[in-house]
């Protein structure tokens, strides 16, 4: 009993003559110290949520890795408007052991001043 059904050959050409070629993507490596002299300010605003301390820690540590000066703005937008002692330099140790803590280590607050232009201008100074 022979096989009367026609089968395609295993090496038969596919109906699509164009081969799929992976795209070449240029990747830039982020080098240690490549952003020396720049600054990053980190603040949290609104209600607390899970993972905020992990995000704060990641920003601080990556900023330090890049050579940036990293600052905390405590109490969210209100701290930005008030300035002064609400803006402190962060370092590697200041974010050690914070992931398991609830809330956010730098605080968060809503700010009525920031909703109006004069309040935002004050924060910008």
PDB file of N, CA and C in Angstrom:
ATOM      1  N   UNK A   1       0.834  -1.156   0.000  1.00  0.00           N
ATOM      2  CA  UNK A   1       0.000   0.000   0.000  1.00  0.00           C
ATOM      3  C   UNK A   1       0.885   1.226   0.000  1.00  0.00           C
ATOM      4  N   UNK A   2       0.889   1.840  -1.046  1.00  0.00           N
ATOM      5  CA  UNK A   2       1.736   2.996  -1.195  1.00  0.00           C
ATOM      6  C   UNK A   2       1.056   4.264  -0.703  1.00  0.00           C
ATOM      7  N   UNK A   3       1.869   5.252  -0.470  1.00  0.00           N
ATOM      8  CA  UNK A   3       1.359   6.549  -0.026  1.00  0.00           C
ATOM      9  C   UNK A   3       1.050   7.350  -1.265  1.00  0.00           C
ATOM     10  N   UNK A   4      -0.220   7.521  -1.561  1.00  0.00           N
ATOM     11  CA  UNK A   4      -0.600   8.212  -2.780  1.00  0.00           C
ATOM     12  C   UNK A   4      -0.711   9.715  -2.588  1.00  0.00           C
ATOM     13  N   UNK A   5      -0.728  10.198  -1.347  1.00  0.00           N
ATOM     14  CA  UNK A   5      -0.846  11.630  -1.101  1.00  0.00           C
ATOM     15  C   UNK A   5       0.453  12.352  -1.398  1.00  0.00           C
ATOM     16  N   UNK A   6       0.335  13.490  -2.026  1.00  0.00           N
ATOM     17  CA  UNK A   6       1.533  14.268  -2.355  1.00  0.00           C
ATOM     18  C   UNK A   6       1.986  15.037  -1.125  1.00  0.00           C
ATOM     19  N   UNK A   7       3.210  14.913  -0.812  1.00  0.00           N
ATOM     20  CA  UNK A   7       3.794  15.642   0.326  1.00  0.00           C
ATOM     21  C   UNK A   7       4.802  16.653  -0.187  1.00  0.00           C
ATOM     22  N   UNK A   8       4.844  17.821   0.451  1.00  0.00           N
ATOM     23  CA  UNK A   8       5.867  18.795   0.013  1.00  0.00           C
ATOM     24  C   UNK A   8       7.251  18.309   0.401  1.00  0.00           C
ATOM     25  N   UNK A   9       8.184  18.601  -0.410  1.00  0.00           N
ATOM     26  CA  UNK A   9       9.567  18.237  -0.097  1.00  0.00           C
ATOM     27  C   UNK A   9      10.027  19.018   1.123  1.00  0.00           C
ATOM     28  N   UNK A  10      10.877  18.428   1.925  1.00  0.00           N
ATOM     29  CA  UNK A  10      11.340  19.078   3.151  1.00  0.00           C
ATOM     30  C   UNK A  10      12.122  20.351   2.876  1.00  0.00           C
ATOM     31  N   UNK A  11      12.773  20.430   1.772  1.00  0.00           N
ATOM     32  CA  UNK A  11      13.603  21.596   1.461  1.00  0.00           C
ATOM     33  C   UNK A  11      12.964  22.481   0.406  1.00  0.00           C
ATOM     34  N   UNK A  12      11.679  22.367   0.303  1.00  0.00           N
ATOM     35  CA  UNK A  12      10.956  23.162  -0.694  1.00  0.00           C
ATOM     36  C   UNK A  12      10.979  24.637  -0.294  1.00  0.00           C
ATOM     37  N   UNK A  13      11.078  25.520  -1.251  1.00  0.00           N
ATOM     38  CA  UNK A  13      11.129  26.958  -0.992  1.00  0.00           C
ATOM     39  C   UNK A  13       9.827  27.432  -0.361  1.00  0.00           C
ATOM     40  N   UNK A  14       9.941  28.336   0.564  1.00  0.00           N
ATOM     41  CA  UNK A  14       8.747  28.885   1.199  1.00  0.00           C
ATOM     42  C   UNK A  14       8.079  29.861   0.238  1.00  0.00           C
ATOM     43  N   UNK A  15       6.777  30.127   0.459  1.00  0.00           N
ATOM     44  CA  UNK A  15       6.089  31.058  -0.442  1.00  0.00           C
ATOM     45  C   UNK A  15       6.600  32.491  -0.317  1.00  0.00           C
ATOM     46  N   UNK A  16       7.237  32.846   0.792  1.00  0.00           N
ATOM     47  CA  UNK A  16       7.768  34.197   0.986  1.00  0.00           C
ATOM     48  C   UNK A  16       9.251  34.191   0.633  1.00  0.00           C
ATOM     49  N   UNK A  17       9.621  34.811  -0.470  1.00  0.00           N
ATOM     50  CA  UNK A  17      11.023  34.771  -0.891  1.00  0.00           C
ATOM     51  C   UNK A  17      11.944  35.668  -0.052  1.00  0.00           C
ATOM     52  N   UNK A  18      11.379  36.596   0.739  1.00  0.00           N
ATOM     53  CA  UNK A  18      12.208  37.516   1.534  1.00  0.00           C
ATOM     54  C   UNK A  18      12.548  36.887   2.877  1.00  0.00           C
ATOM     55  N   UNK A  19      13.810  36.659   3.156  1.00  0.00           N
ATOM     56  CA  UNK A  19      14.168  36.082   4.457  1.00  0.00           C
ATOM     57  C   UNK A  19      13.960  37.104   5.579  1.00  0.00           C
ATOM     58  N   UNK A  20      13.696  36.612   6.751  1.00  0.00           N
ATOM     59  CA  UNK A  20      13.548  37.487   7.916  1.00  0.00           C
ATOM     60  C   UNK A  20      14.934  37.743   8.479  1.00  0.00           C
ATOM     61  N   UNK A  21      15.302  38.997   8.502  1.00  0.00           N
ATOM     62  CA  UNK A  21      16.624  39.393   8.993  1.00  0.00           C
ATOM     63  C   UNK A  21      16.431  40.234  10.245  1.00  0.00           C
ATOM     64  N   UNK A  22      17.076  39.874  11.340  1.00  0.00           N
ATOM     65  CA  UNK A  22      16.923  40.694  12.547  1.00  0.00           C
ATOM     66  C   UNK A  22      17.487  42.100  12.332  1.00  0.00           C
ATOM     67  N   UNK A  23      16.809  43.078  12.912  1.00  0.00           N
ATOM     68  CA  UNK A  23      17.270  44.458  12.803  1.00  0.00           C
ATOM     69  C   UNK A  23      18.534  44.659  13.612  1.00  0.00           C
ATOM     70  N   UNK A  24      19.405  45.473  13.093  1.00  0.00           N
ATOM     71  CA  UNK A  24      20.613  45.825  13.829  1.00  0.00           C
ATOM     72  C   UNK A  24      20.282  47.015  14.724  1.00  0.00           C
ATOM     73  N   UNK A  25      20.501  46.885  15.984  1.00  0.00           N
ATOM     74  CA  UNK A  25      20.189  47.941  16.936  1.00  0.00           C
ATOM     75  C   UNK A  25      21.494  48.444  17.538  1.00  0.00           C
ATOM     76  N   UNK A  26      21.673  49.735  17.454  1.00  0.00           N
ATOM     77  CA  UNK A  26      22.857  50.303  18.098  1.00  0.00           C
ATOM     78  C   UNK A  26      22.549  50.509  19.563  1.00  0.00           C
ATOM     79  N   UNK A  27      23.385  49.994  20.408  1.00  0.00           N
ATOM     80  CA  UNK A  27      23.182  50.143  21.840  1.00  0.00           C
ATOM     81  C   UNK A  27      24.288  51.015  22.403  1.00  0.00           C
ATOM     82  N   UNK A  28      23.888  51.954  23.227  1.00  0.00           N
ATOM     83  CA  UNK A  28      24.866  52.801  23.885  1.00  0.00           C
ATOM     84  C   UNK A  28      25.042  52.302  25.304  1.00  0.00           C
ATOM     85  N   UNK A  29      26.249  52.120  25.688  1.00  0.00           N
ATOM     86  CA  UNK A  29      26.522  51.728  27.056  1.00  0.00           C
ATOM     87  C   UNK A  29      26.562  52.975  27.927  1.00  0.00           C
ATOM     88  N   UNK A  30      26.004  52.854  29.088  1.00  0.00           N
ATOM     89  CA  UNK A  30      26.044  53.951  30.044  1.00  0.00           C
ATOM     90  C   UNK A  30      27.296  53.750  30.879  1.00  0.00           C
ATOM     91  N   UNK A  31      28.207  54.662  30.747  1.00  0.00           N
ATOM     92  CA  UNK A  31      29.498  54.494  31.408  1.00  0.00           C
ATOM     93  C   UNK A  31      29.522  55.176  32.763  1.00  0.00           C
ATOM     94  N   UNK A  32      30.205  54.537  33.672  1.00  0.00           N
ATOM     95  CA  UNK A  32      30.365  55.073  35.014  1.00  0.00           C
ATOM     96  C   UNK A  32      31.020  56.453  34.926  1.00  0.00           C
ATOM     97  N   UNK A  33      30.419  57.427  35.616  1.00  0.00           N
ATOM     98  CA  UNK A  33      30.971  58.776  35.657  1.00  0.00           C
ATOM     99  C   UNK A  33      30.704  59.611  34.418  1.00  0.00           C
ATOM    100  N   UNK A  34      29.918  59.113  33.487  1.00  0.00           N
ATOM    101  CA  UNK A  34      29.713  59.818  32.216  1.00  0.00           C
ATOM    102  C   UNK A  34      28.881  61.092  32.349  1.00  0.00           C
ATOM    103  N   UNK A  35      28.224  61.286  33.482  1.00  0.00           N
ATOM    104  CA  UNK A  35      27.392  62.480  33.670  1.00  0.00           C
ATOM    105  C   UNK A  35      27.916  63.356  34.805  1.00  0.00           C
ATOM    106  N   UNK A  36      29.200  63.258  35.050  1.00  0.00           N
ATOM    107  CA  UNK A  36      29.818  64.014  36.142  1.00  0.00           C
ATOM    108  C   UNK A  36      29.523  65.507  35.998  1.00  0.00           C
ATOM    109  N   UNK A  37      29.168  66.134  37.106  1.00  0.00           N
ATOM    110  CA  UNK A  37      28.869  67.557  37.116  1.00  0.00           C
ATOM    111  C   UNK A  37      27.388  67.877  36.984  1.00  0.00           C
ATOM    112  N   UNK A  38      26.594  66.886  36.648  1.00  0.00           N
ATOM    113  CA  UNK A  38      25.158  67.114  36.530  1.00  0.00           C
ATOM    114  C   UNK A  38      24.473  66.778  37.845  1.00  0.00           C
ATOM    115  N   UNK A  39      23.243  67.230  37.988  1.00  0.00           N
ATOM    116  CA  UNK A  39      22.500  66.974  39.210  1.00  0.00           C
ATOM    117  C   UNK A  39      21.137  66.383  38.936  1.00  0.00           C
ATOM    118  N   UNK A  40      20.654  65.602  39.895  1.00  0.00           N
ATOM    119  CA  UNK A  40      19.326  65.006  39.817  1.00  0.00           C
ATOM    120  C   UNK A  40      18.637  65.274  41.149  1.00  0.00           C
ATOM    121  N   UNK A  41      17.400  65.728  41.089  1.00  0.00           N
ATOM    122  CA  UNK A  41      16.599  65.897  42.295  1.00  0.00           C
ATOM    123  C   UNK A  41      15.515  64.826  42.289  1.00  0.00           C
ATOM    124  N   UNK A  42      15.328  64.190  43.442  1.00  0.00           N
ATOM    125  CA  UNK A  42      14.343  63.126  43.578  1.00  0.00           C
ATOM    126  C   UNK A  42      13.287  63.582  44.572  1.00  0.00           C
ATOM    127  N   UNK A  43      12.019  63.510  44.164  1.00  0.00           N
ATOM    128  CA  UNK A  43      10.945  63.777  45.115  1.00  0.00           C
ATOM    129  C   UNK A  43       9.756  62.905  44.787  1.00  0.00           C
ATOM    130  N   UNK A  44       8.926  62.693  45.787  1.00  0.00           N
ATOM    131  CA  UNK A  44       7.715  61.905  45.589  1.00  0.00           C
ATOM    132  C   UNK A  44       6.538  62.789  45.933  1.00  0.00           C
ATOM    133  N   UNK A  45       5.437  62.570  45.243  1.00  0.00           N
ATOM    134  CA  UNK A  45       4.284  63.427  45.445  1.00  0.00           C
ATOM    135  C   UNK A  45       3.011  62.606  45.430  1.00  0.00           C
ATOM    136  N   UNK A  46       1.982  63.120  46.068  1.00  0.00           N
ATOM    137  CA  UNK A  46       0.708  62.425  46.107  1.00  0.00           C
ATOM    138  C   UNK A  46       0.718  61.354  47.170  1.00  0.00           C
ATOM    139  N   UNK A  47      -0.125  60.380  47.020  1.00  0.00           N
ATOM    140  CA  UNK A  47      -0.212  59.301  48.006  1.00  0.00           C
ATOM    141  C   UNK A  47       0.922  58.302  47.848  1.00  0.00           C
ATOM    142  N   UNK A  48       1.238  57.638  48.938  1.00  0.00           N
ATOM    143  CA  UNK A  48       2.288  56.615  48.903  1.00  0.00           C
ATOM    144  C   UNK A  48       1.781  55.378  48.178  1.00  0.00           C
ATOM    145  N   UNK A  49       2.695  54.642  47.604  1.00  0.00           N
ATOM    146  CA  UNK A  49       2.344  53.369  46.982  1.00  0.00           C
ATOM    147  C   UNK A  49       3.519  52.411  47.140  1.00  0.00           C
ATOM    148  N   UNK A  50       3.257  51.144  46.917  1.00  0.00           N
ATOM    149  CA  UNK A  50       4.305  50.151  47.061  1.00  0.00           C
ATOM    150  C   UNK A  50       5.422  50.417  46.070  1.00  0.00           C
ATOM    151  N   UNK A  51       6.631  50.205  46.504  1.00  0.00           N
ATOM    152  CA  UNK A  51       7.779  50.321  45.627  1.00  0.00           C
ATOM    153  C   UNK A  51       8.383  51.704  45.517  1.00  0.00           C
ATOM    154  N   UNK A  52       7.844  52.677  46.222  1.00  0.00           N
ATOM    155  CA  UNK A  52       8.393  54.036  46.106  1.00  0.00           C
ATOM    156  C   UNK A  52       9.825  54.103  46.631  1.00  0.00           C
ATOM    157  N   UNK A  53      10.088  53.447  47.767  1.00  0.00           N
ATOM    158  CA  UNK A  53      11.450  53.478  48.296  1.00  0.00           C
ATOM    159  C   UNK A  53      12.419  52.754  47.372  1.00  0.00           C
ATOM    160  N   UNK A  54      11.969  51.688  46.737  1.00  0.00           N
ATOM    161  CA  UNK A  54      12.829  50.986  45.775  1.00  0.00           C
ATOM    162  C   UNK A  54      13.153  51.894  44.591  1.00  0.00           C
ATOM    163  N   UNK A  55      12.176  52.653  44.138  1.00  0.00           N
ATOM    164  CA  UNK A  55      12.406  53.574  43.019  1.00  0.00           C
ATOM    165  C   UNK A  55      13.353  54.699  43.429  1.00  0.00           C
ATOM    166  N   UNK A  56      13.154  55.251  44.630  1.00  0.00           N
ATOM    167  CA  UNK A  56      14.032  56.307  45.136  1.00  0.00           C
ATOM    168  C   UNK A  56      15.466  55.779  45.220  1.00  0.00           C
ATOM    169  N   UNK A  57      15.615  54.584  45.773  1.00  0.00           N
ATOM    170  CA  UNK A  57      16.951  53.990  45.910  1.00  0.00           C
ATOM    171  C   UNK A  57      17.600  53.791  44.543  1.00  0.00           C
ATOM    172  N   UNK A  58      16.839  53.301  43.563  1.00  0.00           N
ATOM    173  CA  UNK A  58      17.384  53.065  42.226  1.00  0.00           C
ATOM    174  C   UNK A  58      17.850  54.360  41.577  1.00  0.00           C
ATOM    175  N   UNK A  59      17.070  55.415  41.698  1.00  0.00           N
ATOM    176  CA  UNK A  59      17.448  56.702  41.104  1.00  0.00           C
ATOM    177  C   UNK A  59      18.707  57.239  41.769  1.00  0.00           C
ATOM    178  N   UNK A  60      18.761  57.178  43.086  1.00  0.00           N
ATOM    179  CA  UNK A  60      19.928  57.692  43.817  1.00  0.00           C
ATOM    180  C   UNK A  60      21.180  56.916  43.437  1.00  0.00           C
ATOM    181  N   UNK A  61      21.110  55.609  43.481  1.00  0.00           N
ATOM    182  CA  UNK A  61      22.307  54.804  43.215  1.00  0.00           C
ATOM    183  C   UNK A  61      22.756  54.897  41.762  1.00  0.00           C
ATOM    184  N   UNK A  62      21.827  54.935  40.827  1.00  0.00           N
ATOM    185  CA  UNK A  62      22.228  55.062  39.426  1.00  0.00           C
ATOM    186  C   UNK A  62      22.781  56.452  39.152  1.00  0.00           C
ATOM    187  N   UNK A  63      22.191  57.468  39.775  1.00  0.00           N
ATOM    188  CA  UNK A  63      22.712  58.823  39.637  1.00  0.00           C
ATOM    189  C   UNK A  63      24.144  58.926  40.149  1.00  0.00           C
ATOM    190  N   UNK A  64      24.403  58.318  41.293  1.00  0.00           N
ATOM    191  CA  UNK A  64      25.760  58.321  41.852  1.00  0.00           C
ATOM    192  C   UNK A  64      26.701  57.567  40.920  1.00  0.00           C
ATOM    193  N   UNK A  65      26.272  56.431  40.396  1.00  0.00           N
ATOM    194  CA  UNK A  65      27.070  55.655  39.456  1.00  0.00           C
ATOM    195  C   UNK A  65      27.475  56.495  38.247  1.00  0.00           C
ATOM    196  N   UNK A  66      26.540  57.330  37.771  1.00  0.00           N
ATOM    197  CA  UNK A  66      26.811  58.170  36.606  1.00  0.00           C
ATOM    198  C   UNK A  66      27.687  59.381  36.931  1.00  0.00           C
ATOM    199  N   UNK A  67      27.892  59.640  38.219  1.00  0.00           N
ATOM    200  CA  UNK A  67      28.722  60.775  38.612  1.00  0.00           C
ATOM    201  C   UNK A  67      27.926  62.025  38.930  1.00  0.00           C
ATOM    202  N   UNK A  68      26.618  61.916  39.020  1.00  0.00           N
ATOM    203  CA  UNK A  68      25.765  63.065  39.319  1.00  0.00           C
ATOM    204  C   UNK A  68      25.730  63.347  40.816  1.00  0.00           C
ATOM    205  N   UNK A  69      25.424  64.590  41.154  1.00  0.00           N
ATOM    206  CA  UNK A  69      25.052  64.923  42.528  1.00  0.00           C
ATOM    207  C   UNK A  69      23.559  64.670  42.606  1.00  0.00           C
ATOM    208  N   UNK A  70      23.140  63.937  43.622  1.00  0.00           N
ATOM    209  CA  UNK A  70      21.732  63.581  43.750  1.00  0.00           C
ATOM    210  C   UNK A  70      21.194  64.242  45.013  1.00  0.00           C
ATOM    211  N   UNK A  71      20.024  64.842  44.878  1.00  0.00           N
ATOM    212  CA  UNK A  71      19.396  65.546  45.997  1.00  0.00           C
ATOM    213  C   UNK A  71      18.010  64.978  46.263  1.00  0.00           C
ATOM    214  N   UNK A  72      17.649  64.934  47.535  1.00  0.00           N
ATOM    215  CA  UNK A  72      16.280  64.641  47.929  1.00  0.00           C
ATOM    216  C   UNK A  72      15.547  65.959  48.066  1.00  0.00           C
ATOM    217  N   UNK A  73      14.335  66.020  47.597  1.00  0.00           N
ATOM    218  CA  UNK A  73      13.439  67.123  47.929  1.00  0.00           C
ATOM    219  C   UNK A  73      12.384  66.505  48.834  1.00  0.00           C
ATOM    220  N   UNK A  74      12.487  66.804  50.108  1.00  0.00           N
ATOM    221  CA  UNK A  74      11.582  66.208  51.089  1.00  0.00           C
ATOM    222  C   UNK A  74      10.205  66.852  51.024  1.00  0.00           C
ATOM    223  N   UNK A  75       9.208  66.056  51.295  1.00  0.00           N
ATOM    224  CA  UNK A  75       7.801  66.472  51.334  1.00  0.00           C
ATOM    225  C   UNK A  75       7.254  66.934  49.990  1.00  0.00           C
ATOM    226  N   UNK A  76       7.708  66.310  48.909  1.00  0.00           N
ATOM    227  CA  UNK A  76       7.120  66.517  47.588  1.00  0.00           C
ATOM    228  C   UNK A  76       7.161  67.948  47.087  1.00  0.00           C
ATOM    229  N   UNK A  77       6.064  68.360  46.437  1.00  0.00           N
ATOM    230  CA  UNK A  77       5.993  69.703  45.862  1.00  0.00           C
ATOM    231  C   UNK A  77       6.112  70.783  46.936  1.00  0.00           C
ATOM    232  N   UNK A  78       5.589  70.517  48.124  1.00  0.00           N
ATOM    233  CA  UNK A  78       5.687  71.511  49.200  1.00  0.00           C
ATOM    234  C   UNK A  78       7.152  71.769  49.548  1.00  0.00           C
ATOM    235  N   UNK A  79       7.954  70.715  49.584  1.00  0.00           N
ATOM    236  CA  UNK A  79       9.386  70.870  49.835  1.00  0.00           C
ATOM    237  C   UNK A  79      10.093  71.626  48.732  1.00  0.00           C
ATOM    238  N   UNK A  80       9.612  71.458  47.506  1.00  0.00           N
ATOM    239  CA  UNK A  80      10.198  72.192  46.386  1.00  0.00           C
ATOM    240  C   UNK A  80       9.894  73.680  46.512  1.00  0.00           C
ATOM    241  N   UNK A  81       8.665  74.009  46.907  1.00  0.00           N
ATOM    242  CA  UNK A  81       8.278  75.414  47.067  1.00  0.00           C
ATOM    243  C   UNK A  81       9.000  76.038  48.256  1.00  0.00           C
ATOM    244  N   UNK A  82       9.054  75.308  49.380  1.00  0.00           N
ATOM    245  CA  UNK A  82       9.673  75.846  50.598  1.00  0.00           C
ATOM    246  C   UNK A  82      11.195  75.883  50.517  1.00  0.00           C
ATOM    247  N   UNK A  83      11.796  74.920  49.811  1.00  0.00           N
ATOM    248  CA  UNK A  83      13.254  74.879  49.659  1.00  0.00           C
ATOM    249  C   UNK A  83      13.977  74.713  50.973  1.00  0.00           C
ATOM    250  N   UNK A  84      15.136  75.366  51.102  1.00  0.00           N
ATOM    251  CA  UNK A  84      15.910  75.348  52.341  1.00  0.00           C
ATOM    252  C   UNK A  84      16.280  73.954  52.803  1.00  0.00           C
ATOM    253  N   UNK A  85      15.902  73.630  54.032  1.00  0.00           N
ATOM    254  CA  UNK A  85      16.284  72.353  54.634  1.00  0.00           C
ATOM    255  C   UNK A  85      15.524  71.164  54.039  1.00  0.00           C
ATOM    256  N   UNK A  86      14.577  71.432  53.175  1.00  0.00           N
ATOM    257  CA  UNK A  86      13.867  70.350  52.495  1.00  0.00           C
ATOM    258  C   UNK A  86      14.663  69.759  51.335  1.00  0.00           C
ATOM    259  N   UNK A  87      15.749  70.403  50.954  1.00  0.00           N
ATOM    260  CA  UNK A  87      16.581  69.908  49.861  1.00  0.00           C
ATOM    261  C   UNK A  87      17.929  69.506  50.441  1.00  0.00           C
ATOM    262  N   UNK A  88      18.188  68.190  50.424  1.00  0.00           N
ATOM    263  CA  UNK A  88      19.422  67.657  51.007  1.00  0.00           C
ATOM    264  C   UNK A  88      20.095  66.720  50.015  1.00  0.00           C
ATOM    265  N   UNK A  89      21.410  66.689  50.078  1.00  0.00           N
ATOM    266  CA  UNK A  89      22.143  65.792  49.183  1.00  0.00           C
ATOM    267  C   UNK A  89      21.992  64.352  49.659  1.00  0.00           C
ATOM    268  N   UNK A  90      21.748  63.471  48.702  1.00  0.00           N
ATOM    269  CA  UNK A  90      21.620  62.039  49.003  1.00  0.00           C
ATOM    270  C   UNK A  90      22.961  61.366  48.749  1.00  0.00           C
ATOM    271  N   UNK A  91      23.196  60.269  49.426  1.00  0.00           N
ATOM    272  CA  UNK A  91      24.388  59.471  49.169  1.00  0.00           C
ATOM    273  C   UNK A  91      24.029  57.993  49.213  1.00  0.00           C
ATOM    274  N   UNK A  92      24.982  57.151  48.924  1.00  0.00           N
ATOM    275  CA  UNK A  92      24.748  55.710  48.850  1.00  0.00           C
ATOM    276  C   UNK A  92      24.163  55.181  50.157  1.00  0.00           C
ATOM    277  N   UNK A  93      24.717  55.628  51.263  1.00  0.00           N
ATOM    278  CA  UNK A  93      24.270  55.136  52.570  1.00  0.00           C
ATOM    279  C   UNK A  93      22.867  55.621  52.924  1.00  0.00           C
ATOM    280  N   UNK A  94      22.467  56.776  52.412  1.00  0.00           N
ATOM    281  CA  UNK A  94      21.151  57.307  52.783  1.00  0.00           C
ATOM    282  C   UNK A  94      20.000  56.479  52.215  1.00  0.00           C
ATOM    283  N   UNK A  95      20.288  55.602  51.271  1.00  0.00           N
ATOM    284  CA  UNK A  95      19.239  54.744  50.728  1.00  0.00           C
ATOM    285  C   UNK A  95      19.469  53.260  51.035  1.00  0.00           C
ATOM    286  N   UNK A  96      20.411  52.989  51.931  1.00  0.00           N
ATOM    287  CA  UNK A  96      20.656  51.608  52.337  1.00  0.00           C
ATOM    288  C   UNK A  96      19.569  51.152  53.297  1.00  0.00           C
ATOM    289  N   UNK A  97      19.067  49.976  53.104  1.00  0.00           N
ATOM    290  CA  UNK A  97      18.083  49.389  54.005  1.00  0.00           C
ATOM    291  C   UNK A  97      16.715  50.054  53.984  1.00  0.00           C
ATOM    292  N   UNK A  98      16.319  50.632  52.866  1.00  0.00           N
ATOM    293  CA  UNK A  98      15.027  51.329  52.836  1.00  0.00           C
ATOM    294  C   UNK A  98      13.935  50.565  52.095  1.00  0.00           C
ATOM    295  N   UNK A  99      14.314  49.534  51.359  1.00  0.00           N
ATOM    296  CA  UNK A  99      13.338  48.859  50.503  1.00  0.00           C
ATOM    297  C   UNK A  99      12.201  48.246  51.309  1.00  0.00           C
ATOM    298  N   UNK A 100      12.484  47.718  52.461  1.00  0.00           N
ATOM    299  CA  UNK A 100      11.454  47.045  53.256  1.00  0.00           C
ATOM    300  C   UNK A 100      10.557  48.011  54.026  1.00  0.00           C
ATOM    301  N   UNK A 101      10.912  49.281  54.047  1.00  0.00           N
ATOM    302  CA  UNK A 101      10.119  50.269  54.790  1.00  0.00           C
ATOM    303  C   UNK A 101       8.901  50.720  53.984  1.00  0.00           C
ATOM    304  N   UNK A 102       7.824  50.958  54.663  1.00  0.00           N
ATOM    305  CA  UNK A 102       6.611  51.421  53.996  1.00  0.00           C
ATOM    306  C   UNK A 102       6.675  52.909  53.693  1.00  0.00           C
ATOM    307  N   UNK A 103       5.778  53.365  52.848  1.00  0.00           N
ATOM    308  CA  UNK A 103       5.731  54.795  52.511  1.00  0.00           C
ATOM    309  C   UNK A 103       6.913  55.194  51.678  1.00  0.00           C
ATOM    310  N   UNK A 104       7.394  56.385  51.927  1.00  0.00           N
ATOM    311  CA  UNK A 104       8.574  56.873  51.228  1.00  0.00           C
ATOM    312  C   UNK A 104       9.462  57.591  52.241  1.00  0.00           C
ATOM    313  N   UNK A 105      10.746  57.335  52.196  1.00  0.00           N
ATOM    314  CA  UNK A 105      11.652  57.895  53.207  1.00  0.00           C
ATOM    315  C   UNK A 105      11.790  59.405  53.103  1.00  0.00           C
ATOM    316  N   UNK A 106      11.446  59.969  51.956  1.00  0.00           N
ATOM    317  CA  UNK A 106      11.595  61.423  51.806  1.00  0.00           C
ATOM    318  C   UNK A 106      10.277  62.160  51.966  1.00  0.00           C
ATOM    319  N   UNK A 107       9.224  61.420  52.246  1.00  0.00           N
ATOM    320  CA  UNK A 107       7.930  62.056  52.474  1.00  0.00           C
ATOM    321  C   UNK A 107       7.287  62.523  51.182  1.00  0.00           C
ATOM    322  N   UNK A 108       5.998  62.694  51.242  1.00  0.00           N
ATOM    323  CA  UNK A 108       5.278  63.228  50.088  1.00  0.00           C
ATOM    324  C   UNK A 108       4.140  64.097  50.613  1.00  0.00           C
ATOM    325  N   UNK A 109       3.874  65.152  49.922  1.00  0.00           N
ATOM    326  CA  UNK A 109       2.801  66.060  50.346  1.00  0.00           C
ATOM    327  C   UNK A 109       2.224  66.755  49.126  1.00  0.00           C
ATOM    328  N   UNK A 110       0.956  66.963  49.159  1.00  0.00           N
ATOM    329  CA  UNK A 110       0.331  67.769  48.110  1.00  0.00           C
ATOM    330  C   UNK A 110       0.590  69.234  48.447  1.00  0.00           C
ATOM    331  N   UNK A 111       0.552  70.068  47.457  1.00  0.00           N
ATOM    332  CA  UNK A 111       0.917  71.462  47.679  1.00  0.00           C
ATOM    333  C   UNK A 111      -0.036  72.369  46.909  1.00  0.00           C
ATOM    334  N   UNK A 112      -0.804  73.133  47.633  1.00  0.00           N
ATOM    335  CA  UNK A 112      -1.744  74.050  46.988  1.00  0.00           C
ATOM    336  C   UNK A 112      -0.998  75.181  46.274  1.00  0.00           C
ATOM    337  N   UNK A 113       0.144  75.626  46.830  1.00  0.00           N
ATOM    338  CA  UNK A 113       0.923  76.696  46.208  1.00  0.00           C
ATOM    339  C   UNK A 113       1.348  76.330  44.787  1.00  0.00           C
ATOM    340  N   UNK A 114       1.676  75.054  44.578  1.00  0.00           N
ATOM    341  CA  UNK A 114       2.217  74.632  43.288  1.00  0.00           C
ATOM    342  C   UNK A 114       1.161  74.654  42.188  1.00  0.00           C
ATOM    343  N   UNK A 115      -0.093  74.719  42.547  1.00  0.00           N
ATOM    344  CA  UNK A 115      -1.159  74.761  41.543  1.00  0.00           C
ATOM    345  C   UNK A 115      -1.237  76.114  40.849  1.00  0.00           C
ATOM    346  N   UNK A 116      -0.686  77.142  41.468  1.00  0.00           N
ATOM    347  CA  UNK A 116      -0.709  78.497  40.899  1.00  0.00           C
ATOM    348  C   UNK A 116       0.680  78.874  40.395  1.00  0.00           C
ATOM    349  N   UNK A 117       0.738  79.715  39.384  1.00  0.00           N
ATOM    350  CA  UNK A 117       2.008  80.122  38.785  1.00  0.00           C
ATOM    351  C   UNK A 117       2.989  80.725  39.792  1.00  0.00           C
ATOM    352  N   UNK A 118       2.579  81.626  40.699  1.00  0.00           N
ATOM    353  CA  UNK A 118       3.549  82.183  41.651  1.00  0.00           C
ATOM    354  C   UNK A 118       4.222  81.089  42.509  1.00  0.00           C
ATOM    355  N   UNK A 119       3.475  80.072  42.869  1.00  0.00           N
ATOM    356  CA  UNK A 119       4.044  78.974  43.643  1.00  0.00           C
ATOM    357  C   UNK A 119       5.063  78.183  42.848  1.00  0.00           C
ATOM    358  N   UNK A 120       4.783  77.955  41.578  1.00  0.00           N
ATOM    359  CA  UNK A 120       5.726  77.222  40.720  1.00  0.00           C
ATOM    360  C   UNK A 120       6.979  78.052  40.471  1.00  0.00           C
ATOM    361  N   UNK A 121       6.825  79.366  40.324  1.00  0.00           N
ATOM    362  CA  UNK A 121       7.987  80.231  40.138  1.00  0.00           C
ATOM    363  C   UNK A 121       8.871  80.226  41.378  1.00  0.00           C
ATOM    364  N   UNK A 122       8.239  80.211  42.546  1.00  0.00           N
ATOM    365  CA  UNK A 122       8.997  80.145  43.812  1.00  0.00           C
ATOM    366  C   UNK A 122       9.781  78.846  43.879  1.00  0.00           C
ATOM    367  N   UNK A 123       9.171  77.746  43.461  1.00  0.00           N
ATOM    368  CA  UNK A 123       9.847  76.444  43.464  1.00  0.00           C
ATOM    369  C   UNK A 123      11.010  76.405  42.498  1.00  0.00           C
ATOM    370  N   UNK A 124      10.892  77.116  41.379  1.00  0.00           N
ATOM    371  CA  UNK A 124      11.935  77.120  40.362  1.00  0.00           C
ATOM    372  C   UNK A 124      13.200  77.842  40.822  1.00  0.00           C
ATOM    373  N   UNK A 125      13.062  78.745  41.789  1.00  0.00           N
ATOM    374  CA  UNK A 125      14.233  79.467  42.288  1.00  0.00           C
ATOM    375  C   UNK A 125      14.981  78.583  43.192  1.00  0.00           C
TER     376      UNK A 125
END
